[in-house]
Amino acid sequence: MDVATRAGVSIQKGLSYLVSQQRPDGAWEAFGKPHPAITALVIKALAQDPSYGSDHPAVRRGLAYLLKFVQDDGGIYIPGDGMQNYHTSVAVMALSSIKKGEHRGVLKGAQRFLKKLQWDEGEGYEASNNWYGGAGYGKHKRPDLSNTQLMLEALHQSGLPGDDPAYQKAMKFVQRCQMMEKTNDQGFAKGSLDGGFIYTAANGGESKAGTETVDGDTHLRSYGSMTYAGFKSMLYANLSHSDPRVLAAIRWIREHYTLDHNPNMPGKSAQQGLFYYYYVFARAFVAWGQEMIEDGTGVPHEWRTELCQKLMTLQRADGSWVNEADRWYEGNPHLVTAYAVLSMQSALQE
């Protein structure tokens, strides 16, 4: 049995587990409570699988639950929880996988809402501000690359073209998250030739990987999940493969290529955010459009095959996945199983 066939079997086991875990109200949960964002990710995984599809009862129940959170401003979120961008973005991704067009109006409203959340002139921010173009969890939260890439992923999946101003504004923020002095005007990037990405350029910069010392200089430490997130965001914004920012990112990816951990996260934290990393890894390489990647030593890798093989080794007997290095909700098998299935679906797509 070839890898694609075995991966298909693995996906079916994962989806069967998820269907078995659906709550009576149609939701999937996070630590005992229904969660619209996790529900949206599971809906997407089910809806885009031929064995289930958008008419499957589990999908219809999940959609009925999710659509309860459509707000008058077009967003899809729980009022007052401060996660409007995150919830709306994954809801847009789910609704974009329903191909019948029945939610076109909801999608358009959600697109407008996401673009309004973006920090720009509407909030009095000029392009010189290090918040400009980014998105945070909600209107009053400082922007970060994770939320910004999620917004751009949602806009991309819902069909917004890459020349839309939202992408072009976002590039101001995204390039300021790249550790490369040549194209990053922020002080924390001074002297850096790294090419990888950090968590946020706002307020002086922050990396969830901490800092590292290179040639006697201490810099914010770039790491895998944010580098792939920044890389694919640039491709969604129609940057060419020859753009120096893209070239620097792919150089970093080659030098740090691995599926064993979230690359360049130090020590024990290298296993944290691993399944989020797998998902942005898959989406980035799909956007890149090439089947092979050479690592820093010149060894070629078939990323689709290797990603599926890695995920299959991590699947539990009941069909689920979970990250024992629990951070960012990855101790929740509903979320992590959705990430794993979505990653393999991306790897198997033509």
C-alpha atoms as a PDB file:
ATOM      1  CA  MET A   1       0.000   0.000   0.000  1.00  0.00           C
ATOM      2  CA  ASP A   2       1.540   3.332  -1.045  1.00  0.00           C
ATOM      3  CA  VAL A   3       1.853   6.344   1.244  1.00  0.00           C
ATOM      4  CA  ALA A   4      -1.114   8.221  -0.234  1.00  0.00           C
ATOM      5  CA  THR A   5      -3.388   5.213   0.260  1.00  0.00           C
ATOM      6  CA  ARG A   6      -2.214   4.673   3.819  1.00  0.00           C
ATOM      7  CA  ALA A   7      -2.637   8.379   4.519  1.00  0.00           C
ATOM      8  CA  GLY A   8      -6.196   8.158   3.215  1.00  0.00           C
ATOM      9  CA  VAL A   9      -6.907   5.358   5.675  1.00  0.00           C
ATOM     10  CA  SER A  10      -5.350   7.416   8.465  1.00  0.00           C
ATOM     11  CA  ILE A  11      -7.537  10.402   7.571  1.00  0.00           C
ATOM     12  CA  GLN A  12     -10.665   8.250   7.691  1.00  0.00           C
ATOM     13  CA  LYS A  13      -9.719   6.982  11.146  1.00  0.00           C
ATOM     14  CA  GLY A  14      -9.204  10.561  12.290  1.00  0.00           C
ATOM     15  CA  LEU A  15     -12.513  11.753  10.879  1.00  0.00           C
ATOM     16  CA  SER A  16     -14.354   8.789  12.375  1.00  0.00           C
ATOM     17  CA  TYR A  17     -12.913   9.717  15.769  1.00  0.00           C
ATOM     18  CA  LEU A  18     -14.026  13.329  15.347  1.00  0.00           C
ATOM     19  CA  VAL A  19     -17.572  12.362  14.370  1.00  0.00           C
ATOM     20  CA  SER A  20     -17.756  10.151  17.454  1.00  0.00           C
ATOM     21  CA  GLN A  21     -16.809  13.142  19.616  1.00  0.00           C
ATOM     22  CA  GLN A  22     -19.433  15.605  18.370  1.00  0.00           C
ATOM     23  CA  ARG A  23     -21.625  17.017  21.113  1.00  0.00           C
ATOM     24  CA  PRO A  24     -25.430  16.886  20.941  1.00  0.00           C
ATOM     25  CA  ASP A  25     -25.459  20.650  20.262  1.00  0.00           C
ATOM     26  CA  GLY A  26     -23.350  20.064  17.124  1.00  0.00           C
ATOM     27  CA  ALA A  27     -20.106  21.451  18.550  1.00  0.00           C
ATOM     28  CA  TRP A  28     -16.668  20.074  19.254  1.00  0.00           C
ATOM     29  CA  GLU A  29     -15.127  21.137  22.482  1.00  0.00           C
ATOM     30  CA  ALA A  30     -12.074  22.429  24.256  1.00  0.00           C
ATOM     31  CA  PHE A  31     -11.656  21.022  27.752  1.00  0.00           C
ATOM     32  CA  GLY A  32     -15.303  20.320  28.406  1.00  0.00           C
ATOM     33  CA  LYS A  33     -16.827  23.381  26.742  1.00  0.00           C
ATOM     34  CA  PRO A  34     -18.166  23.816  23.202  1.00  0.00           C
ATOM     35  CA  HIS A  35     -15.771  25.837  21.089  1.00  0.00           C
ATOM     36  CA  PRO A  36     -16.784  27.526  17.805  1.00  0.00           C
ATOM     37  CA  ALA A  37     -13.252  27.772  16.402  1.00  0.00           C
ATOM     38  CA  ILE A  38     -12.428  24.106  16.984  1.00  0.00           C
ATOM     39  CA  THR A  39     -15.868  23.241  15.617  1.00  0.00           C
ATOM     40  CA  ALA A  40     -15.054  25.218  12.477  1.00  0.00           C
ATOM     41  CA  LEU A  41     -11.768  23.370  11.937  1.00  0.00           C
ATOM     42  CA  VAL A  42     -13.501  19.999  12.278  1.00  0.00           C
ATOM     43  CA  ILE A  43     -16.277  21.077   9.889  1.00  0.00           C
ATOM     44  CA  LYS A  44     -13.663  21.983   7.309  1.00  0.00           C
ATOM     45  CA  ALA A  45     -11.870  18.653   7.659  1.00  0.00           C
ATOM     46  CA  LEU A  46     -15.138  16.740   7.248  1.00  0.00           C
ATOM     47  CA  ALA A  47     -16.644  18.886   4.504  1.00  0.00           C
ATOM     48  CA  GLN A  48     -13.681  18.623   2.181  1.00  0.00           C
ATOM     49  CA  ASP A  49     -13.416  14.831   2.509  1.00  0.00           C
ATOM     50  CA  PRO A  50     -15.281  12.927  -0.253  1.00  0.00           C
ATOM     51  CA  SER A  51     -16.515  10.301   2.207  1.00  0.00           C
ATOM     52  CA  TYR A  52     -18.318  12.959   4.244  1.00  0.00           C
ATOM     53  CA  GLY A  53     -18.846  16.225   2.396  1.00  0.00           C
ATOM     54  CA  SER A  54     -20.957  19.252   3.209  1.00  0.00           C
ATOM     55  CA  ASP A  55     -24.230  17.313   3.418  1.00  0.00           C
ATOM     56  CA  HIS A  56     -23.079  14.849   6.056  1.00  0.00           C
ATOM     57  CA  PRO A  57     -25.262  15.086   9.200  1.00  0.00           C
ATOM     58  CA  ALA A  58     -22.249  15.855  11.403  1.00  0.00           C
ATOM     59  CA  VAL A  59     -21.314  18.756   9.132  1.00  0.00           C
ATOM     60  CA  ARG A  60     -24.861  20.124   9.043  1.00  0.00           C
ATOM     61  CA  ARG A  61     -25.146  19.943  12.843  1.00  0.00           C
ATOM     62  CA  GLY A  62     -21.767  21.615  13.219  1.00  0.00           C
ATOM     63  CA  LEU A  63     -22.742  24.387  10.809  1.00  0.00           C
ATOM     64  CA  ALA A  64     -25.998  25.000  12.655  1.00  0.00           C
ATOM     65  CA  TYR A  65     -24.001  25.459  15.864  1.00  0.00           C
ATOM     66  CA  LEU A  66     -21.363  27.664  14.224  1.00  0.00           C
ATOM     67  CA  LEU A  67     -23.837  29.973  12.516  1.00  0.00           C
ATOM     68  CA  LYS A  68     -25.350  30.871  15.892  1.00  0.00           C
ATOM     69  CA  PHE A  69     -22.278  33.062  16.390  1.00  0.00           C
ATOM     70  CA  VAL A  70     -22.758  35.259  13.314  1.00  0.00           C
ATOM     71  CA  GLN A  71     -22.902  38.812  14.667  1.00  0.00           C
ATOM     72  CA  ASP A  72     -24.503  41.972  13.283  1.00  0.00           C
ATOM     73  CA  ASP A  73     -21.050  43.359  12.405  1.00  0.00           C
ATOM     74  CA  GLY A  74     -20.377  40.353  10.154  1.00  0.00           C
ATOM     75  CA  GLY A  75     -17.966  38.633  12.504  1.00  0.00           C
ATOM     76  CA  ILE A  76     -18.456  35.064  13.739  1.00  0.00           C
ATOM     77  CA  TYR A  77     -17.401  34.950  17.368  1.00  0.00           C
ATOM     78  CA  ILE A  78     -18.472  34.821  21.004  1.00  0.00           C
ATOM     79  CA  PRO A  79     -19.144  38.409  22.134  1.00  0.00           C
ATOM     80  CA  GLY A  80     -16.845  39.555  24.895  1.00  0.00           C
ATOM     81  CA  ASP A  81     -14.277  36.754  24.645  1.00  0.00           C
ATOM     82  CA  GLY A  82     -11.677  38.913  22.866  1.00  0.00           C
ATOM     83  CA  MET A  83     -10.954  36.422  20.063  1.00  0.00           C
ATOM     84  CA  GLN A  84     -12.949  37.905  17.198  1.00  0.00           C
ATOM     85  CA  ASN A  85     -10.224  37.521  14.575  1.00  0.00           C
ATOM     86  CA  TYR A  86      -9.320  33.948  15.498  1.00  0.00           C
ATOM     87  CA  HIS A  87     -12.905  32.697  15.613  1.00  0.00           C
ATOM     88  CA  THR A  88     -14.017  34.548  12.493  1.00  0.00           C
ATOM     89  CA  SER A  89     -10.998  33.427  10.488  1.00  0.00           C
ATOM     90  CA  VAL A  90     -11.467  29.720  11.124  1.00  0.00           C
ATOM     91  CA  ALA A  91     -15.216  30.079  10.584  1.00  0.00           C
ATOM     92  CA  VAL A  92     -14.508  31.622   7.169  1.00  0.00           C
ATOM     93  CA  MET A  93     -12.217  28.695   6.378  1.00  0.00           C
ATOM     94  CA  ALA A  94     -14.989  26.251   7.288  1.00  0.00           C
ATOM     95  CA  LEU A  95     -17.682  28.059   5.312  1.00  0.00           C
ATOM     96  CA  SER A  96     -15.333  28.318   2.325  1.00  0.00           C
ATOM     97  CA  SER A  97     -15.212  24.508   2.195  1.00  0.00           C
ATOM     98  CA  ILE A  98     -19.006  24.376   1.659  1.00  0.00           C
ATOM     99  CA  LYS A  99     -19.154  24.651  -2.121  1.00  0.00           C
ATOM    100  CA  LYS A 100     -22.886  25.193  -2.589  1.00  0.00           C
ATOM    101  CA  GLY A 101     -22.717  28.937  -2.134  1.00  0.00           C
ATOM    102  CA  GLU A 102     -25.464  28.853   0.505  1.00  0.00           C
ATOM    103  CA  HIS A 103     -23.393  30.955   2.896  1.00  0.00           C
ATOM    104  CA  ARG A 104     -22.112  33.507   0.393  1.00  0.00           C
ATOM    105  CA  GLY A 105     -23.665  36.436   2.250  1.00  0.00           C
ATOM    106  CA  VAL A 106     -22.245  35.325   5.601  1.00  0.00           C
ATOM    107  CA  LEU A 107     -18.818  34.887   4.014  1.00  0.00           C
ATOM    108  CA  LYS A 108     -18.838  38.350   2.464  1.00  0.00           C
ATOM    109  CA  GLY A 109     -19.817  39.898   5.778  1.00  0.00           C
ATOM    110  CA  ALA A 110     -17.080  37.978   7.574  1.00  0.00           C
ATOM    111  CA  GLN A 111     -14.487  39.056   4.992  1.00  0.00           C
ATOM    112  CA  ARG A 112     -15.422  42.686   5.543  1.00  0.00           C
ATOM    113  CA  PHE A 113     -15.249  42.213   9.297  1.00  0.00           C
ATOM    114  CA  LEU A 114     -11.751  40.700   9.132  1.00  0.00           C
ATOM    115  CA  LYS A 115     -10.479  43.537   6.994  1.00  0.00           C
ATOM    116  CA  LYS A 116     -11.941  46.059   9.447  1.00  0.00           C
ATOM    117  CA  LEU A 117     -10.057  44.374  12.302  1.00  0.00           C
ATOM    118  CA  GLN A 118      -6.751  44.958  10.524  1.00  0.00           C
ATOM    119  CA  TRP A 119      -4.739  47.798  12.049  1.00  0.00           C
ATOM    120  CA  ASP A 120      -4.498  50.562   9.431  1.00  0.00           C
ATOM    121  CA  GLU A 121      -5.564  54.126   8.689  1.00  0.00           C
ATOM    122  CA  GLY A 122      -9.053  53.391   9.985  1.00  0.00           C
ATOM    123  CA  GLU A 123      -7.621  53.319  13.489  1.00  0.00           C
ATOM    124  CA  GLY A 124      -5.260  56.208  12.841  1.00  0.00           C
ATOM    125  CA  TYR A 125      -2.199  54.046  12.172  1.00  0.00           C
ATOM    126  CA  GLU A 126       0.171  55.037   9.388  1.00  0.00           C
ATOM    127  CA  ALA A 127       2.403  52.608   7.491  1.00  0.00           C
ATOM    128  CA  SER A 128       5.364  53.664   9.641  1.00  0.00           C
ATOM    129  CA  ASN A 129       3.734  52.218  12.781  1.00  0.00           C
ATOM    130  CA  ASN A 130       4.841  48.721  13.762  1.00  0.00           C
ATOM    131  CA  TRP A 131       1.204  47.659  14.282  1.00  0.00           C
ATOM    132  CA  TYR A 132       0.240  48.645  10.744  1.00  0.00           C
ATOM    133  CA  GLY A 133      -1.261  45.886   8.585  1.00  0.00           C
ATOM    134  CA  GLY A 134      -1.325  43.291  11.337  1.00  0.00           C
ATOM    135  CA  ALA A 135      -4.197  41.591  13.116  1.00  0.00           C
ATOM    136  CA  GLY A 136      -4.498  40.493  16.729  1.00  0.00           C
ATOM    137  CA  TYR A 137      -7.115  38.423  18.506  1.00  0.00           C
ATOM    138  CA  GLY A 138      -9.560  41.325  18.400  1.00  0.00           C
ATOM    139  CA  LYS A 139      -9.841  45.054  17.825  1.00  0.00           C
ATOM    140  CA  HIS A 140      -8.184  46.000  21.104  1.00  0.00           C
ATOM    141  CA  LYS A 141      -5.366  43.422  20.955  1.00  0.00           C
ATOM    142  CA  ARG A 142      -1.925  44.170  19.574  1.00  0.00           C
ATOM    143  CA  PRO A 143      -1.198  42.372  16.294  1.00  0.00           C
ATOM    144  CA  ASP A 144       0.853  39.209  15.943  1.00  0.00           C
ATOM    145  CA  LEU A 145       1.920  37.076  13.011  1.00  0.00           C
ATOM    146  CA  SER A 146      -0.155  34.068  14.069  1.00  0.00           C
ATOM    147  CA  ASN A 147      -3.417  36.006  13.935  1.00  0.00           C
ATOM    148  CA  THR A 148      -2.322  37.893  10.825  1.00  0.00           C
ATOM    149  CA  GLN A 149      -1.518  34.713   8.897  1.00  0.00           C
ATOM    150  CA  LEU A 150      -4.809  33.186  10.045  1.00  0.00           C
ATOM    151  CA  MET A 151      -6.699  36.200   8.715  1.00  0.00           C
ATOM    152  CA  LEU A 152      -4.834  35.971   5.406  1.00  0.00           C
ATOM    153  CA  GLU A 153      -5.433  32.214   5.200  1.00  0.00           C
ATOM    154  CA  ALA A 154      -9.153  32.824   5.661  1.00  0.00           C
ATOM    155  CA  LEU A 155      -9.231  35.578   3.045  1.00  0.00           C
ATOM    156  CA  HIS A 156      -7.228  33.408   0.641  1.00  0.00           C
ATOM    157  CA  GLN A 157      -9.433  30.337   1.107  1.00  0.00           C
ATOM    158  CA  SER A 158     -12.563  32.436   0.663  1.00  0.00           C
ATOM    159  CA  GLY A 159     -11.348  33.651  -2.704  1.00  0.00           C
ATOM    160  CA  LEU A 160     -10.085  37.166  -2.004  1.00  0.00           C
ATOM    161  CA  PRO A 161      -7.424  37.873  -4.676  1.00  0.00           C
ATOM    162  CA  GLY A 162      -3.832  38.476  -3.624  1.00  0.00           C
ATOM    163  CA  ASP A 163      -3.814  42.032  -4.968  1.00  0.00           C
ATOM    164  CA  ASP A 164      -6.489  43.129  -2.482  1.00  0.00           C
ATOM    165  CA  PRO A 165      -5.265  45.969  -0.231  1.00  0.00           C
ATOM    166  CA  ALA A 166      -5.680  43.765   2.844  1.00  0.00           C
ATOM    167  CA  TYR A 167      -2.781  41.569   1.738  1.00  0.00           C
ATOM    168  CA  GLN A 168      -0.641  44.502   0.716  1.00  0.00           C
ATOM    169  CA  LYS A 169      -1.152  46.216   4.077  1.00  0.00           C
ATOM    170  CA  ALA A 170      -0.431  42.949   5.848  1.00  0.00           C
ATOM    171  CA  MET A 171       2.914  42.706   4.091  1.00  0.00           C
ATOM    172  CA  LYS A 172       4.080  45.777   6.019  1.00  0.00           C
ATOM    173  CA  PHE A 173       3.543  43.883   9.245  1.00  0.00           C
ATOM    174  CA  VAL A 174       4.700  40.485   7.959  1.00  0.00           C
ATOM    175  CA  GLN A 175       8.050  41.745   6.682  1.00  0.00           C
ATOM    176  CA  ARG A 176       8.631  43.462  10.023  1.00  0.00           C
ATOM    177  CA  CYS A 177       8.319  40.032  11.651  1.00  0.00           C
ATOM    178  CA  GLN A 178      11.132  38.693   9.453  1.00  0.00           C
ATOM    179  CA  MET A 179      14.567  38.749  11.020  1.00  0.00           C
ATOM    180  CA  MET A 180      16.374  40.409   8.141  1.00  0.00           C
ATOM    181  CA  GLU A 181      17.820  43.894   8.469  1.00  0.00           C
ATOM    182  CA  LYS A 182      17.801  44.544   4.706  1.00  0.00           C
ATOM    183  CA  THR A 183      13.994  44.603   4.502  1.00  0.00           C
ATOM    184  CA  ASN A 184      12.958  45.111   8.146  1.00  0.00           C
ATOM    185  CA  ASP A 185      13.077  48.672   9.465  1.00  0.00           C
ATOM    186  CA  GLN A 186      12.642  47.664  13.125  1.00  0.00           C
ATOM    187  CA  GLY A 187      15.512  48.065  15.552  1.00  0.00           C
ATOM    188  CA  PHE A 188      15.336  44.492  16.809  1.00  0.00           C
ATOM    189  CA  ALA A 189      16.278  43.245  13.297  1.00  0.00           C
ATOM    190  CA  LYS A 190      19.435  45.368  13.085  1.00  0.00           C
ATOM    191  CA  GLY A 191      22.369  43.212  12.038  1.00  0.00           C
ATOM    192  CA  SER A 192      20.231  40.136  11.365  1.00  0.00           C
ATOM    193  CA  LEU A 193      20.627  38.071   8.192  1.00  0.00           C
ATOM    194  CA  ASP A 194      18.509  35.195   9.510  1.00  0.00           C
ATOM    195  CA  GLY A 195      15.446  35.270   7.213  1.00  0.00           C
ATOM    196  CA  GLY A 196      13.179  33.458   9.687  1.00  0.00           C
ATOM    197  CA  PHE A 197      10.166  34.976  11.437  1.00  0.00           C
ATOM    198  CA  ILE A 198       9.182  35.863  14.989  1.00  0.00           C
ATOM    199  CA  TYR A 199       5.801  36.117  16.696  1.00  0.00           C
ATOM    200  CA  THR A 200       5.257  39.883  16.456  1.00  0.00           C
ATOM    201  CA  ALA A 201       6.982  43.074  15.400  1.00  0.00           C
ATOM    202  CA  ALA A 202       4.702  45.172  17.606  1.00  0.00           C
ATOM    203  CA  ASN A 203       5.999  47.070  20.618  1.00  0.00           C
ATOM    204  CA  GLY A 204       9.652  46.270  20.057  1.00  0.00           C
ATOM    205  CA  GLY A 205       9.214  42.678  18.899  1.00  0.00           C
ATOM    206  CA  GLU A 206       8.580  39.344  20.621  1.00  0.00           C
ATOM    207  CA  SER A 207       9.474  35.742  19.875  1.00  0.00           C
ATOM    208  CA  LYS A 208       7.900  32.726  21.566  1.00  0.00           C
ATOM    209  CA  ALA A 209      11.321  31.103  21.062  1.00  0.00           C
ATOM    210  CA  GLY A 210      13.122  33.744  23.115  1.00  0.00           C
ATOM    211  CA  THR A 211      16.514  35.023  21.976  1.00  0.00           C
ATOM    212  CA  GLU A 212      19.728  33.615  20.541  1.00  0.00           C
ATOM    213  CA  THR A 213      23.280  34.907  20.246  1.00  0.00           C
ATOM    214  CA  VAL A 214      24.947  34.937  16.840  1.00  0.00           C
ATOM    215  CA  ASP A 215      28.534  36.200  16.453  1.00  0.00           C
ATOM    216  CA  GLY A 216      28.286  37.888  19.818  1.00  0.00           C
ATOM    217  CA  ASP A 217      25.025  39.723  19.044  1.00  0.00           C
ATOM    218  CA  THR A 218      21.746  38.780  20.737  1.00  0.00           C
ATOM    219  CA  HIS A 219      18.655  38.703  18.532  1.00  0.00           C
ATOM    220  CA  LEU A 220      15.076  37.581  18.810  1.00  0.00           C
ATOM    221  CA  ARG A 221      14.992  33.908  17.839  1.00  0.00           C
ATOM    222  CA  SER A 222      13.020  32.973  14.722  1.00  0.00           C
ATOM    223  CA  TYR A 223      11.220  29.629  14.675  1.00  0.00           C
ATOM    224  CA  GLY A 224       9.437  27.204  12.390  1.00  0.00           C
ATOM    225  CA  SER A 225       5.725  27.769  12.778  1.00  0.00           C
ATOM    226  CA  MET A 226       6.046  31.536  12.396  1.00  0.00           C
ATOM    227  CA  THR A 227       8.503  31.232   9.514  1.00  0.00           C
ATOM    228  CA  TYR A 228       6.168  29.028   7.496  1.00  0.00           C
ATOM    229  CA  ALA A 229       3.288  31.339   8.448  1.00  0.00           C
ATOM    230  CA  GLY A 230       5.172  34.387   7.188  1.00  0.00           C
ATOM    231  CA  PHE A 231       6.396  32.570   4.083  1.00  0.00           C
ATOM    232  CA  LYS A 232       2.932  31.495   2.938  1.00  0.00           C
ATOM    233  CA  SER A 233       1.484  34.919   3.747  1.00  0.00           C
ATOM    234  CA  MET A 234       3.991  36.467   1.359  1.00  0.00           C
ATOM    235  CA  LEU A 235       3.012  34.004  -1.353  1.00  0.00           C
ATOM    236  CA  TYR A 236      -0.691  34.734  -0.808  1.00  0.00           C
ATOM    237  CA  ALA A 237       0.136  38.414  -1.354  1.00  0.00           C
ATOM    238  CA  ASN A 238       1.591  37.518  -4.776  1.00  0.00           C
ATOM    239  CA  LEU A 239       5.239  38.056  -3.892  1.00  0.00           C
ATOM    240  CA  SER A 240       7.382  36.310  -6.483  1.00  0.00           C
ATOM    241  CA  HIS A 241       9.710  33.402  -5.766  1.00  0.00           C
ATOM    242  CA  SER A 242      12.596  35.725  -6.589  1.00  0.00           C
ATOM    243  CA  ASP A 243      11.615  38.400  -4.061  1.00  0.00           C
ATOM    244  CA  PRO A 244      14.477  38.786  -1.542  1.00  0.00           C
ATOM    245  CA  ARG A 245      12.080  38.310   1.376  1.00  0.00           C
ATOM    246  CA  VAL A 246      10.805  35.042  -0.088  1.00  0.00           C
ATOM    247  CA  LEU A 247      14.329  33.875  -0.913  1.00  0.00           C
ATOM    248  CA  ALA A 248      15.461  34.585   2.647  1.00  0.00           C
ATOM    249  CA  ALA A 249      12.514  32.647   4.064  1.00  0.00           C
ATOM    250  CA  ILE A 250      13.094  29.609   1.850  1.00  0.00           C
ATOM    251  CA  ARG A 251      16.786  29.676   2.756  1.00  0.00           C
ATOM    252  CA  TRP A 252      15.819  29.530   6.437  1.00  0.00           C
ATOM    253  CA  ILE A 253      13.360  26.707   5.723  1.00  0.00           C
ATOM    254  CA  ARG A 254      16.036  24.683   3.940  1.00  0.00           C
ATOM    255  CA  GLU A 255      18.537  25.189   6.749  1.00  0.00           C
ATOM    256  CA  HIS A 256      16.003  24.172   9.413  1.00  0.00           C
ATOM    257  CA  TYR A 257      13.992  21.537   7.547  1.00  0.00           C
ATOM    258  CA  THR A 258      12.587  18.930   9.944  1.00  0.00           C
ATOM    259  CA  LEU A 259       9.339  17.255  10.934  1.00  0.00           C
ATOM    260  CA  ASP A 260      10.631  16.004  14.271  1.00  0.00           C
ATOM    261  CA  HIS A 261       9.989  19.250  16.126  1.00  0.00           C
ATOM    262  CA  ASN A 262       8.979  22.888  15.699  1.00  0.00           C
ATOM    263  CA  PRO A 263      12.333  24.042  14.299  1.00  0.00           C
ATOM    264  CA  ASN A 264      14.540  26.422  16.250  1.00  0.00           C
ATOM    265  CA  MET A 265      12.287  26.358  19.305  1.00  0.00           C
ATOM    266  CA  PRO A 266      14.780  25.747  22.117  1.00  0.00           C
ATOM    267  CA  GLY A 267      14.973  22.696  24.363  1.00  0.00           C
ATOM    268  CA  LYS A 268      11.784  21.114  25.607  1.00  0.00           C
ATOM    269  CA  SER A 269       9.684  23.811  23.954  1.00  0.00           C
ATOM    270  CA  ALA A 270      10.595  22.335  20.539  1.00  0.00           C
ATOM    271  CA  GLN A 271       7.576  20.013  20.785  1.00  0.00           C
ATOM    272  CA  GLN A 272       5.176  22.839  21.602  1.00  0.00           C
ATOM    273  CA  GLY A 273       2.859  24.014  18.853  1.00  0.00           C
ATOM    274  CA  LEU A 274       3.938  21.017  16.773  1.00  0.00           C
ATOM    275  CA  PHE A 275       0.629  20.311  15.048  1.00  0.00           C
ATOM    276  CA  TYR A 276       0.009  23.985  14.295  1.00  0.00           C
ATOM    277  CA  TYR A 277       3.473  23.839  12.734  1.00  0.00           C
ATOM    278  CA  TYR A 278       2.496  20.841  10.602  1.00  0.00           C
ATOM    279  CA  TYR A 279      -0.554  22.690   9.307  1.00  0.00           C
ATOM    280  CA  VAL A 280       1.273  25.892   8.328  1.00  0.00           C
ATOM    281  CA  PHE A 281       4.077  23.718   6.884  1.00  0.00           C
ATOM    282  CA  ALA A 282       1.569  21.999   4.583  1.00  0.00           C
ATOM    283  CA  ARG A 283      -0.255  25.177   3.585  1.00  0.00           C
ATOM    284  CA  ALA A 284       3.034  26.971   2.884  1.00  0.00           C
ATOM    285  CA  PHE A 285       4.382  24.262   0.621  1.00  0.00           C
ATOM    286  CA  VAL A 286       1.078  24.051  -1.257  1.00  0.00           C
ATOM    287  CA  ALA A 287       1.323  27.800  -1.847  1.00  0.00           C
ATOM    288  CA  TRP A 288       4.967  27.441  -2.913  1.00  0.00           C
ATOM    289  CA  GLY A 289       3.923  24.928  -5.561  1.00  0.00           C
ATOM    290  CA  GLN A 290       7.016  22.726  -5.673  1.00  0.00           C
ATOM    291  CA  GLU A 291       7.115  19.032  -4.822  1.00  0.00           C
ATOM    292  CA  MET A 292      10.683  18.808  -3.562  1.00  0.00           C
ATOM    293  CA  ILE A 293      12.683  20.815  -1.053  1.00  0.00           C
ATOM    294  CA  GLU A 294      16.427  20.458  -0.541  1.00  0.00           C
ATOM    295  CA  ASP A 295      17.589  20.853   3.030  1.00  0.00           C
ATOM    296  CA  GLY A 296      20.669  22.810   4.045  1.00  0.00           C
ATOM    297  CA  THR A 297      22.960  19.848   3.287  1.00  0.00           C
ATOM    298  CA  GLY A 298      21.548  19.357  -0.204  1.00  0.00           C
ATOM    299  CA  VAL A 299      19.402  16.311   0.632  1.00  0.00           C
ATOM    300  CA  PRO A 300      16.084  16.381  -1.307  1.00  0.00           C
ATOM    301  CA  HIS A 301      12.807  15.809   0.521  1.00  0.00           C
ATOM    302  CA  GLU A 302       9.380  14.909  -0.835  1.00  0.00           C
ATOM    303  CA  TRP A 303       7.541  17.045   1.682  1.00  0.00           C
ATOM    304  CA  ARG A 304       4.083  15.594   0.976  1.00  0.00           C
ATOM    305  CA  THR A 305       5.204  12.024   1.564  1.00  0.00           C
ATOM    306  CA  GLU A 306       7.314  12.864   4.591  1.00  0.00           C
ATOM    307  CA  LEU A 307       4.563  14.878   6.273  1.00  0.00           C
ATOM    308  CA  CYS A 308       2.014  12.090   5.846  1.00  0.00           C
ATOM    309  CA  GLN A 309       4.472   9.471   7.077  1.00  0.00           C
ATOM    310  CA  LYS A 310       5.302  11.519  10.153  1.00  0.00           C
ATOM    311  CA  LEU A 311       1.673  12.149  11.056  1.00  0.00           C
ATOM    312  CA  MET A 312       0.767   8.481  10.635  1.00  0.00           C
ATOM    313  CA  THR A 313       3.440   7.512  13.167  1.00  0.00           C
ATOM    314  CA  LEU A 314       1.877   9.893  15.708  1.00  0.00           C
ATOM    315  CA  GLN A 315      -1.752   8.754  15.362  1.00  0.00           C
ATOM    316  CA  ARG A 316      -3.250   7.044  18.390  1.00  0.00           C
ATOM    317  CA  ALA A 317      -5.156   3.744  18.286  1.00  0.00           C
ATOM    318  CA  ASP A 318      -8.564   5.464  18.486  1.00  0.00           C
ATOM    319  CA  GLY A 319      -7.755   7.549  15.387  1.00  0.00           C
ATOM    320  CA  SER A 320      -6.958  10.753  17.244  1.00  0.00           C
ATOM    321  CA  TRP A 321      -3.820  12.828  17.640  1.00  0.00           C
ATOM    322  CA  VAL A 322      -2.735  14.833  20.683  1.00  0.00           C
ATOM    323  CA  ASN A 323       0.388  16.738  21.685  1.00  0.00           C
ATOM    324  CA  GLU A 324       1.758  15.676  25.050  1.00  0.00           C
ATOM    325  CA  ALA A 325       3.717  18.950  25.133  1.00  0.00           C
ATOM    326  CA  ASP A 326       0.499  20.801  25.836  1.00  0.00           C
ATOM    327  CA  ARG A 327       0.596  24.467  24.926  1.00  0.00           C
ATOM    328  CA  TRP A 328      -1.709  26.580  22.797  1.00  0.00           C
ATOM    329  CA  TYR A 329      -4.571  24.070  23.298  1.00  0.00           C
ATOM    330  CA  GLU A 330      -2.617  21.177  21.757  1.00  0.00           C
ATOM    331  CA  GLY A 331      -3.540  18.944  24.678  1.00  0.00           C
ATOM    332  CA  ASN A 332      -7.028  18.903  23.144  1.00  0.00           C
ATOM    333  CA  PRO A 333      -7.404  15.906  20.765  1.00  0.00           C
ATOM    334  CA  HIS A 334     -10.300  17.544  18.898  1.00  0.00           C
ATOM    335  CA  LEU A 335      -8.122  20.467  17.852  1.00  0.00           C
ATOM    336  CA  VAL A 336      -4.997  18.424  17.193  1.00  0.00           C
ATOM    337  CA  THR A 337      -6.847  15.749  15.213  1.00  0.00           C
ATOM    338  CA  ALA A 338      -8.361  18.472  13.048  1.00  0.00           C
ATOM    339  CA  TYR A 339      -4.899  19.961  12.484  1.00  0.00           C
ATOM    340  CA  ALA A 340      -3.477  16.550  11.543  1.00  0.00           C
ATOM    341  CA  VAL A 341      -6.291  15.715   9.106  1.00  0.00           C
ATOM    342  CA  LEU A 342      -6.171  19.163   7.507  1.00  0.00           C
ATOM    343  CA  SER A 343      -2.408  18.857   7.134  1.00  0.00           C
ATOM    344  CA  MET A 344      -2.657  15.504   5.346  1.00  0.00           C
ATOM    345  CA  GLN A 345      -5.537  16.716   3.193  1.00  0.00           C
ATOM    346  CA  SER A 346      -3.342  19.600   2.078  1.00  0.00           C
ATOM    347  CA  ALA A 347      -0.441  17.241   1.407  1.00  0.00           C
ATOM    348  CA  LEU A 348      -2.646  14.945  -0.707  1.00  0.00           C
ATOM    349  CA  GLN A 349      -4.302  17.668  -2.772  1.00  0.00           C
ATOM    350  CA  GLU A 350      -3.309  17.981  -6.412  1.00  0.00           C
END
